[in-house]
C-alpha atoms as a PDB file:
ATOM      1  CA  VAL A   1      40.454 -20.389  34.389  1.00  0.00           C
ATOM      2  CA  THR A   2      41.300 -23.239  32.204  1.00  0.00           C
ATOM      3  CA  PHE A   3      39.545 -26.348  30.931  1.00  0.00           C
ATOM      4  CA  ALA A   4      41.217 -29.396  29.215  1.00  0.00           C
ATOM      5  CA  GLU A   5      38.851 -32.121  27.494  1.00  0.00           C
ATOM      6  CA  SER A   6      40.179 -35.494  26.690  1.00  0.00           C
ATOM      7  CA  GLY A   7      38.837 -39.129  25.982  1.00  0.00           C
ATOM      8  CA  GLY A   8      37.600 -38.378  22.407  1.00  0.00           C
ATOM      9  CA  GLY A   9      38.111 -40.594  19.450  1.00  0.00           C
ATOM     10  CA  LEU A  10      36.785 -42.791  16.687  1.00  0.00           C
ATOM     11  CA  VAL A  11      34.085 -45.316  17.772  1.00  0.00           C
ATOM     12  CA  GLN A  12      31.539 -47.100  15.850  1.00  0.00           C
ATOM     13  CA  PRO A  13      27.916 -46.694  16.122  1.00  0.00           C
ATOM     14  CA  GLY A  14      26.649 -48.239  19.637  1.00  0.00           C
ATOM     15  CA  GLY A  15      30.048 -47.708  21.132  1.00  0.00           C
ATOM     16  CA  SER A  16      30.943 -45.760  24.033  1.00  0.00           C
ATOM     17  CA  LEU A  17      33.510 -43.187  25.131  1.00  0.00           C
ATOM     18  CA  ARG A  18      34.149 -41.307  28.381  1.00  0.00           C
ATOM     19  CA  LEU A  19      35.170 -37.696  28.170  1.00  0.00           C
ATOM     20  CA  SER A  20      37.091 -35.996  30.925  1.00  0.00           C
ATOM     21  CA  CYS A  21      37.342 -32.129  31.688  1.00  0.00           C
ATOM     22  CA  ALA A  22      39.951 -30.986  33.936  1.00  0.00           C
ATOM     23  CA  ALA A  23      39.463 -27.592  35.267  1.00  0.00           C
ATOM     24  CA  SER A  24      41.680 -25.048  37.220  1.00  0.00           C
ATOM     25  CA  GLY A  25      42.018 -21.437  38.062  1.00  0.00           C
ATOM     26  CA  PHE A  26      38.710 -21.135  40.107  1.00  0.00           C
ATOM     27  CA  THR A  27      36.864 -22.674  42.939  1.00  0.00           C
ATOM     28  CA  PHE A  28      35.568 -25.618  40.984  1.00  0.00           C
ATOM     29  CA  SER A  29      32.980 -26.848  43.571  1.00  0.00           C
ATOM     30  CA  GLN A  30      31.157 -23.817  43.390  1.00  0.00           C
ATOM     31  CA  TYR A  31      30.259 -23.721  39.840  1.00  0.00           C
ATOM     32  CA  ALA A  32      28.011 -25.644  37.693  1.00  0.00           C
ATOM     33  CA  ILE A  33      29.851 -26.922  34.640  1.00  0.00           C
ATOM     34  CA  THR A  34      28.569 -27.548  31.059  1.00  0.00           C
ATOM     35  CA  TRP A  35      29.417 -29.937  28.127  1.00  0.00           C
ATOM     36  CA  TYR A  36      28.885 -28.465  24.721  1.00  0.00           C
ATOM     37  CA  ARG A  37      29.445 -29.962  21.279  1.00  0.00           C
ATOM     38  CA  GLN A  38      29.825 -28.335  17.957  1.00  0.00           C
ATOM     39  CA  ALA A  39      29.387 -30.270  14.751  1.00  0.00           C
ATOM     40  CA  PRO A  40      30.865 -28.918  11.188  1.00  0.00           C
ATOM     41  CA  GLY A  41      28.589 -26.114  10.302  1.00  0.00           C
ATOM     42  CA  ASN A  42      26.614 -26.060  13.360  1.00  0.00           C
ATOM     43  CA  GLU A  43      26.556 -23.842  16.344  1.00  0.00           C
ATOM     44  CA  ARG A  44      27.999 -24.819  19.735  1.00  0.00           C
ATOM     45  CA  ASP A  45      25.029 -26.558  21.467  1.00  0.00           C
ATOM     46  CA  VAL A  46      24.556 -27.640  25.100  1.00  0.00           C
ATOM     47  CA  VAL A  47      24.814 -31.443  25.910  1.00  0.00           C
ATOM     48  CA  ALA A  48      24.458 -31.755  29.402  1.00  0.00           C
ATOM     49  CA  SER A  49      25.223 -29.635  32.577  1.00  0.00           C
ATOM     50  CA  ILE A  50      25.964 -30.449  36.236  1.00  0.00           C
ATOM     51  CA  GLY A  51      25.260 -28.232  39.474  1.00  0.00           C
ATOM     52  CA  THR A  52      27.829 -27.803  42.299  1.00  0.00           C
ATOM     53  CA  ASP A  53      26.120 -30.739  44.259  1.00  0.00           C
ATOM     54  CA  GLY A  54      27.009 -33.064  41.603  1.00  0.00           C
ATOM     55  CA  VAL A  55      23.276 -34.430  41.774  1.00  0.00           C
ATOM     56  CA  THR A  56      21.446 -31.788  39.826  1.00  0.00           C
ATOM     57  CA  THR A  57      21.867 -32.694  36.064  1.00  0.00           C
ATOM     58  CA  ARG A  58      20.472 -31.508  32.673  1.00  0.00           C
ATOM     59  CA  TYR A  59      20.663 -33.306  29.274  1.00  0.00           C
ATOM     60  CA  THR A  60      19.536 -32.093  25.890  1.00  0.00           C
ATOM     61  CA  ASP A  61      16.833 -34.425  24.451  1.00  0.00           C
ATOM     62  CA  SER A  62      18.776 -36.268  21.977  1.00  0.00           C
ATOM     63  CA  VAL A  63      21.229 -37.638  24.613  1.00  0.00           C
ATOM     64  CA  LYS A  64      18.843 -38.413  27.369  1.00  0.00           C
ATOM     65  CA  GLY A  65      19.371 -42.159  28.597  1.00  0.00           C
ATOM     66  CA  ARG A  66      22.554 -42.535  26.641  1.00  0.00           C
ATOM     67  CA  PHE A  67      24.988 -39.809  28.320  1.00  0.00           C
ATOM     68  CA  THR A  68      25.667 -39.319  31.993  1.00  0.00           C
ATOM     69  CA  ILE A  69      27.351 -36.227  33.413  1.00  0.00           C
ATOM     70  CA  SER A  70      29.242 -36.561  36.722  1.00  0.00           C
ATOM     71  CA  ARG A  71      31.849 -34.654  38.667  1.00  0.00           C
ATOM     72  CA  ASP A  72      34.636 -35.194  41.213  1.00  0.00           C
ATOM     73  CA  ASN A  73      35.170 -32.008  43.290  1.00  0.00           C
ATOM     74  CA  SER A  74      38.198 -33.419  45.084  1.00  0.00           C
ATOM     75  CA  GLN A  75      39.898 -33.548  41.552  1.00  0.00           C
ATOM     76  CA  ASN A  76      38.276 -30.910  39.732  1.00  0.00           C
ATOM     77  CA  ILE A  77      37.083 -33.141  37.074  1.00  0.00           C
ATOM     78  CA  VAL A  78      33.900 -33.423  35.122  1.00  0.00           C
ATOM     79  CA  TYR A  79      33.064 -36.464  32.984  1.00  0.00           C
ATOM     80  CA  LEU A  80      30.797 -37.300  30.400  1.00  0.00           C
ATOM     81  CA  GLN A  81      30.097 -41.023  29.988  1.00  0.00           C
ATOM     82  CA  MET A  82      28.719 -41.450  26.464  1.00  0.00           C
ATOM     83  CA  ASN A  83      26.831 -44.865  25.594  1.00  0.00           C
ATOM     84  CA  ASP A  84      25.115 -46.185  22.296  1.00  0.00           C
ATOM     85  CA  LEU A  85      27.019 -43.372  20.263  1.00  0.00           C
ATOM     86  CA  LYS A  86      25.235 -42.482  17.105  1.00  0.00           C
ATOM     87  CA  PRO A  87      26.687 -40.712  14.006  1.00  0.00           C
ATOM     88  CA  ASP A  88      24.898 -37.754  14.858  1.00  0.00           C
ATOM     89  CA  ASP A  89      26.813 -37.344  17.947  1.00  0.00           C
ATOM     90  CA  THR A  90      29.924 -36.775  16.043  1.00  0.00           C
ATOM     91  CA  ALA A  91      31.338 -33.346  16.857  1.00  0.00           C
ATOM     92  CA  VAL A  92      34.010 -31.471  19.003  1.00  0.00           C
ATOM     93  CA  TYR A  93      33.150 -31.639  22.619  1.00  0.00           C
ATOM     94  CA  TYR A  94      33.920 -28.650  24.950  1.00  0.00           C
ATOM     95  CA  CYS A  95      33.427 -28.261  28.709  1.00  0.00           C
ATOM     96  CA  GLY A  96      33.115 -24.844  30.320  1.00  0.00           C
ATOM     97  CA  SER A  97      31.783 -22.423  32.961  1.00  0.00           C
ATOM     98  CA  LEU A  98      32.089 -18.933  33.628  1.00  0.00           C
ATOM     99  CA  GLY A  99      32.329 -18.089  29.867  1.00  0.00           C
ATOM    100  CA  TYR A 100      35.425 -20.105  29.401  1.00  0.00           C
ATOM    101  CA  TRP A 101      35.821 -23.343  27.718  1.00  0.00           C
ATOM    102  CA  GLY A 102      38.700 -25.516  26.517  1.00  0.00           C
ATOM    103  CA  GLN A 103      40.378 -26.605  23.316  1.00  0.00           C
ATOM    104  CA  GLY A 104      37.843 -29.258  22.828  1.00  0.00           C
ATOM    105  CA  THR A 105      38.033 -33.131  22.023  1.00  0.00           C
ATOM    106  CA  GLN A 106      36.931 -34.727  18.687  1.00  0.00           C
ATOM    107  CA  VAL A 107      34.414 -37.403  18.924  1.00  0.00           C
ATOM    108  CA  THR A 108      33.762 -39.274  15.648  1.00  0.00           C
ATOM    109  CA  VAL A 109      30.994 -41.965  15.435  1.00  0.00           C
ATOM    110  CA  SER A 110      31.389 -44.013  12.260  1.00  0.00           C
ATOM    111  CA  SER A 111      31.470 -47.427  11.057  1.00  0.00           C
END
């Protein structure tokens, strides 16, 4: 089971980024996928998750209305569209399932 996150970078407050998560090694369409993030000195927290149907989604309160999670079961990819980014969104973002996650991608929100 592997996950590979990409799409992070440096963005100004109010900007947008789209993260991608490419998964392999398991039957992707049969599992919910979760995006996590970990800021320096903090624990890894759940940001958003998406069910197998691609419709059932959950978000942590701080990102509701700004972030959108989606999946493409034909490509084994999960996306996290992040809009109106804030400095508090700065963290390493990971995707995962089944107790696995990838190396993460750094998101830095700063002017």
